[in-house]
Amino acid sequence: MNDQDWKVIYTGSRQEKKLAERLKNRGIPVYLPLYKKLSQWSDRKKWVEMPLFNGYLFVNPSDVQRDQVLQEKGAVAYLRFNGEDALVKAKEIQTIENILNSGYSMEGMSTPEDFESGDQARVLEGPLKGQIVDVIRRNNEEMFLVSFDTLGQSIKISLPYQVLSRSLNL
């Protein structure tokens, strides 16, 4: 990953992987965070790689390449904020990579509005050390939410309670 801000594009339904490959072939820097999910069909189970954020792809085109991105099949539009292309800081991209490389159990979620509000905690150990997370309780299991407000997206992560502190001022 580079240290520049990334742009986000909307993709057509189930086009994330194909579009990422086409953009890479054109020499446009692209990042598609994927996680593994066990899918079950009537006759078998199989691990498949799924986009962490459905319908989104991170790109880092040059000014000349910006419009070329939208010419590719599967690209819909740039995510916009205040009339300009929305930018995601390289630090947030690195945090997403750290989460994916951490081995925590996770699943992508659609928007922050999908979650119940709850307590906040600070992560004391691991790749998320120092992050403030929102706690969601479901089925006697504590799920901890890391929210990336730039995207209007969130990631739900299972963390052991031993690595958390109720004190946010550490």
Protein backbone atom coordinates (compact mmCIF):
# COMPACT_ATOMS: atom_id res chain seq x y z
CA MET A 1 0.00 0.00 0.00
CA ASN A 2 1.14 3.52 -0.62
CA ASP A 3 0.82 6.54 1.68
CA GLN A 4 -1.64 8.46 -0.50
CA ASP A 5 -5.37 8.79 0.04
CA TRP A 6 -7.56 6.32 -1.81
CA LYS A 7 -10.81 6.94 -3.68
CA VAL A 8 -13.81 4.66 -3.48
CA ILE A 9 -15.92 3.54 -6.42
CA TYR A 10 -19.31 1.90 -6.45
CA THR A 11 -19.35 -1.32 -8.43
CA GLY A 12 -22.12 -3.24 -10.12
CA SER A 13 -23.61 -6.13 -8.18
CA ARG A 14 -21.03 -8.89 -7.66
CA GLN A 15 -18.49 -7.12 -9.89
CA GLU A 16 -15.85 -6.27 -7.27
CA LYS A 17 -13.32 -9.03 -8.08
CA LYS A 18 -13.67 -8.82 -11.86
CA LEU A 19 -13.38 -5.03 -11.87
CA ALA A 20 -10.36 -5.12 -9.55
CA GLU A 21 -8.61 -7.51 -11.94
CA ARG A 22 -9.39 -5.36 -15.00
CA LEU A 23 -8.12 -2.21 -13.27
CA LYS A 24 -4.92 -3.97 -12.16
CA ASN A 25 -4.34 -5.04 -15.76
CA ARG A 26 -4.58 -1.38 -16.78
CA GLY A 27 -1.94 -0.44 -14.20
CA ILE A 28 -4.35 1.36 -11.87
CA PRO A 29 -3.64 0.78 -8.17
CA VAL A 30 -6.60 -1.02 -6.62
CA TYR A 31 -7.38 -2.54 -3.23
CA LEU A 32 -10.20 -5.01 -2.66
CA PRO A 33 -10.32 -6.27 0.94
CA LEU A 34 -11.52 -9.89 0.96
CA TYR A 35 -12.40 -12.26 3.80
CA LYS A 36 -13.05 -15.99 3.76
CA LYS A 37 -16.54 -17.27 4.43
CA LEU A 38 -17.76 -20.85 4.63
CA SER A 39 -20.64 -21.17 2.17
CA GLN A 40 -22.96 -24.13 2.12
CA TRP A 41 -24.83 -25.48 -0.87
CA SER A 42 -27.22 -28.41 -0.81
CA ASP A 43 -24.43 -30.86 -1.69
CA ARG A 44 -21.24 -29.32 -0.26
CA LYS A 45 -19.50 -26.67 1.80
CA LYS A 46 -16.74 -24.48 0.45
CA TRP A 47 -14.60 -21.57 1.67
CA VAL A 48 -15.03 -18.57 -0.63
CA GLU A 49 -13.41 -15.15 -0.63
CA MET A 50 -15.98 -12.39 -0.28
CA PRO A 51 -15.58 -8.60 -0.52
CA LEU A 52 -15.53 -7.04 2.93
CA PHE A 53 -17.53 -4.09 1.61
CA ASN A 54 -20.09 -5.21 -0.97
CA GLY A 55 -20.31 -2.83 -3.92
CA TYR A 56 -17.16 -0.86 -3.07
CA LEU A 57 -13.62 -0.89 -4.43
CA PHE A 58 -10.67 1.29 -3.38
CA VAL A 59 -8.66 2.85 -6.21
CA ASN A 60 -5.70 5.19 -6.37
CA PRO A 61 -5.67 6.45 -9.97
CA SER A 62 -3.54 9.26 -11.33
CA ASP A 63 -5.44 12.31 -12.59
CA VAL A 64 -5.22 10.88 -16.12
CA GLN A 65 -6.50 7.46 -14.99
CA ARG A 66 -9.43 8.83 -12.95
CA ASP A 67 -11.94 8.78 -15.83
CA GLN A 68 -10.53 5.51 -17.22
CA VAL A 69 -11.69 3.78 -14.04
CA LEU A 70 -15.33 4.59 -14.81
CA GLN A 71 -14.99 3.34 -18.39
CA GLU A 72 -14.40 -0.21 -17.17
CA LYS A 73 -17.33 -2.62 -17.15
CA GLY A 74 -18.64 -2.96 -13.60
CA ALA A 75 -17.62 0.53 -12.43
CA VAL A 76 -20.65 2.66 -11.55
CA ALA A 77 -19.47 5.93 -9.99
CA TYR A 78 -17.08 7.46 -7.49
CA LEU A 79 -18.30 7.79 -3.93
CA ARG A 80 -18.78 11.56 -3.44
CA PHE A 81 -18.57 13.74 -0.33
CA ASN A 82 -19.27 17.51 -0.36
CA GLY A 83 -19.26 17.54 -4.16
CA GLU A 84 -15.84 15.90 -4.50
CA ASP A 85 -14.51 12.36 -4.69
CA ALA A 86 -14.57 10.90 -1.18
CA LEU A 87 -11.10 10.07 0.12
CA VAL A 88 -10.07 7.29 2.47
CA LYS A 89 -6.84 7.88 4.35
CA ALA A 90 -4.01 5.42 3.79
CA LYS A 91 -4.07 4.85 7.58
CA GLU A 92 -7.66 3.53 7.35
CA ILE A 93 -6.69 1.22 4.49
CA GLN A 94 -3.80 -0.06 6.63
CA THR A 95 -6.20 -0.66 9.55
CA ILE A 96 -8.46 -2.71 7.26
CA GLU A 97 -5.41 -4.75 6.15
CA ASN A 98 -4.34 -5.27 9.78
CA ILE A 99 -7.81 -6.55 10.67
CA LEU A 100 -7.87 -8.93 7.72
CA ASN A 101 -4.39 -10.23 8.59
CA SER A 102 -5.21 -10.57 12.31
CA GLY A 103 -7.13 -13.83 12.08
CA TYR A 104 -10.12 -12.40 13.98
CA SER A 105 -13.48 -13.83 12.96
CA MET A 106 -15.34 -11.15 11.03
CA GLU A 107 -18.11 -10.38 8.61
CA GLY A 108 -18.87 -7.32 6.51
CA MET A 109 -21.86 -5.19 7.41
CA SER A 110 -23.75 -2.76 5.23
CA THR A 111 -24.11 0.51 7.17
CA PRO A 112 -23.59 1.78 10.73
CA GLU A 113 -27.39 2.25 11.03
CA ASP A 114 -27.73 -1.54 11.06
CA PHE A 115 -26.27 -1.74 14.58
CA GLU A 116 -27.62 -1.21 18.08
CA SER A 117 -25.82 1.38 20.14
CA GLY A 118 -23.85 0.02 23.10
CA ASP A 119 -20.88 0.48 25.36
CA GLN A 120 -17.50 1.53 24.04
CA ALA A 121 -14.20 -0.16 24.90
CA ARG A 122 -10.53 0.28 24.07
CA VAL A 123 -8.57 -2.64 22.61
CA LEU A 124 -5.51 -3.37 24.78
CA GLU A 125 -3.70 -6.03 22.72
CA GLY A 126 -3.25 -7.24 19.16
CA PRO A 127 -3.29 -5.42 15.82
CA LEU A 128 -6.21 -3.22 16.95
CA LYS A 129 -4.42 -2.04 20.09
CA GLY A 130 -5.56 1.47 21.01
CA GLN A 131 -8.71 1.40 18.85
CA ILE A 132 -12.05 2.36 20.40
CA VAL A 133 -14.73 -0.19 19.52
CA ASP A 134 -18.49 -0.32 20.01
CA VAL A 135 -19.84 -3.38 21.80
CA ILE A 136 -22.77 -5.36 20.38
CA ARG A 137 -24.20 -8.23 22.39
CA ARG A 138 -25.95 -11.05 20.55
CA ASN A 139 -26.60 -14.69 21.46
CA ASN A 140 -24.46 -14.52 24.61
CA GLU A 141 -21.54 -13.52 22.40
CA GLU A 142 -19.87 -10.14 22.49
CA MET A 143 -19.22 -8.67 19.06
CA PHE A 144 -17.07 -5.57 18.75
CA LEU A 145 -17.54 -3.08 15.97
CA VAL A 146 -14.79 -1.05 14.29
CA SER A 147 -16.45 1.70 12.29
CA PHE A 148 -14.88 3.36 9.24
CA ASP A 149 -17.03 6.51 9.00
CA THR A 150 -15.38 7.66 5.78
CA LEU A 151 -17.11 4.85 3.93
CA GLY A 152 -20.33 4.75 5.89
CA GLN A 153 -19.41 1.10 6.44
CA SER A 154 -18.43 -0.99 9.45
CA ILE A 155 -16.78 -4.27 10.24
CA LYS A 156 -18.05 -6.62 12.95
CA ILE A 157 -15.25 -8.48 14.73
CA SER A 158 -15.19 -11.12 17.47
CA LEU A 159 -12.71 -10.14 20.17
CA PRO A 160 -12.10 -11.88 23.49
CA TYR A 161 -13.23 -9.72 26.41
CA GLN A 162 -9.79 -10.12 27.99
CA VAL A 163 -8.23 -7.71 25.46
CA LEU A 164 -10.69 -4.90 26.23
CA SER A 165 -10.87 -2.12 28.77
CA ARG A 166 -13.93 -0.08 29.72
CA SER A 167 -11.63 2.88 30.34
CA LEU A 168 -11.25 4.95 27.16
CA ASN A 169 -8.54 7.19 28.64
CA LEU A 170 -5.52 4.89 28.46
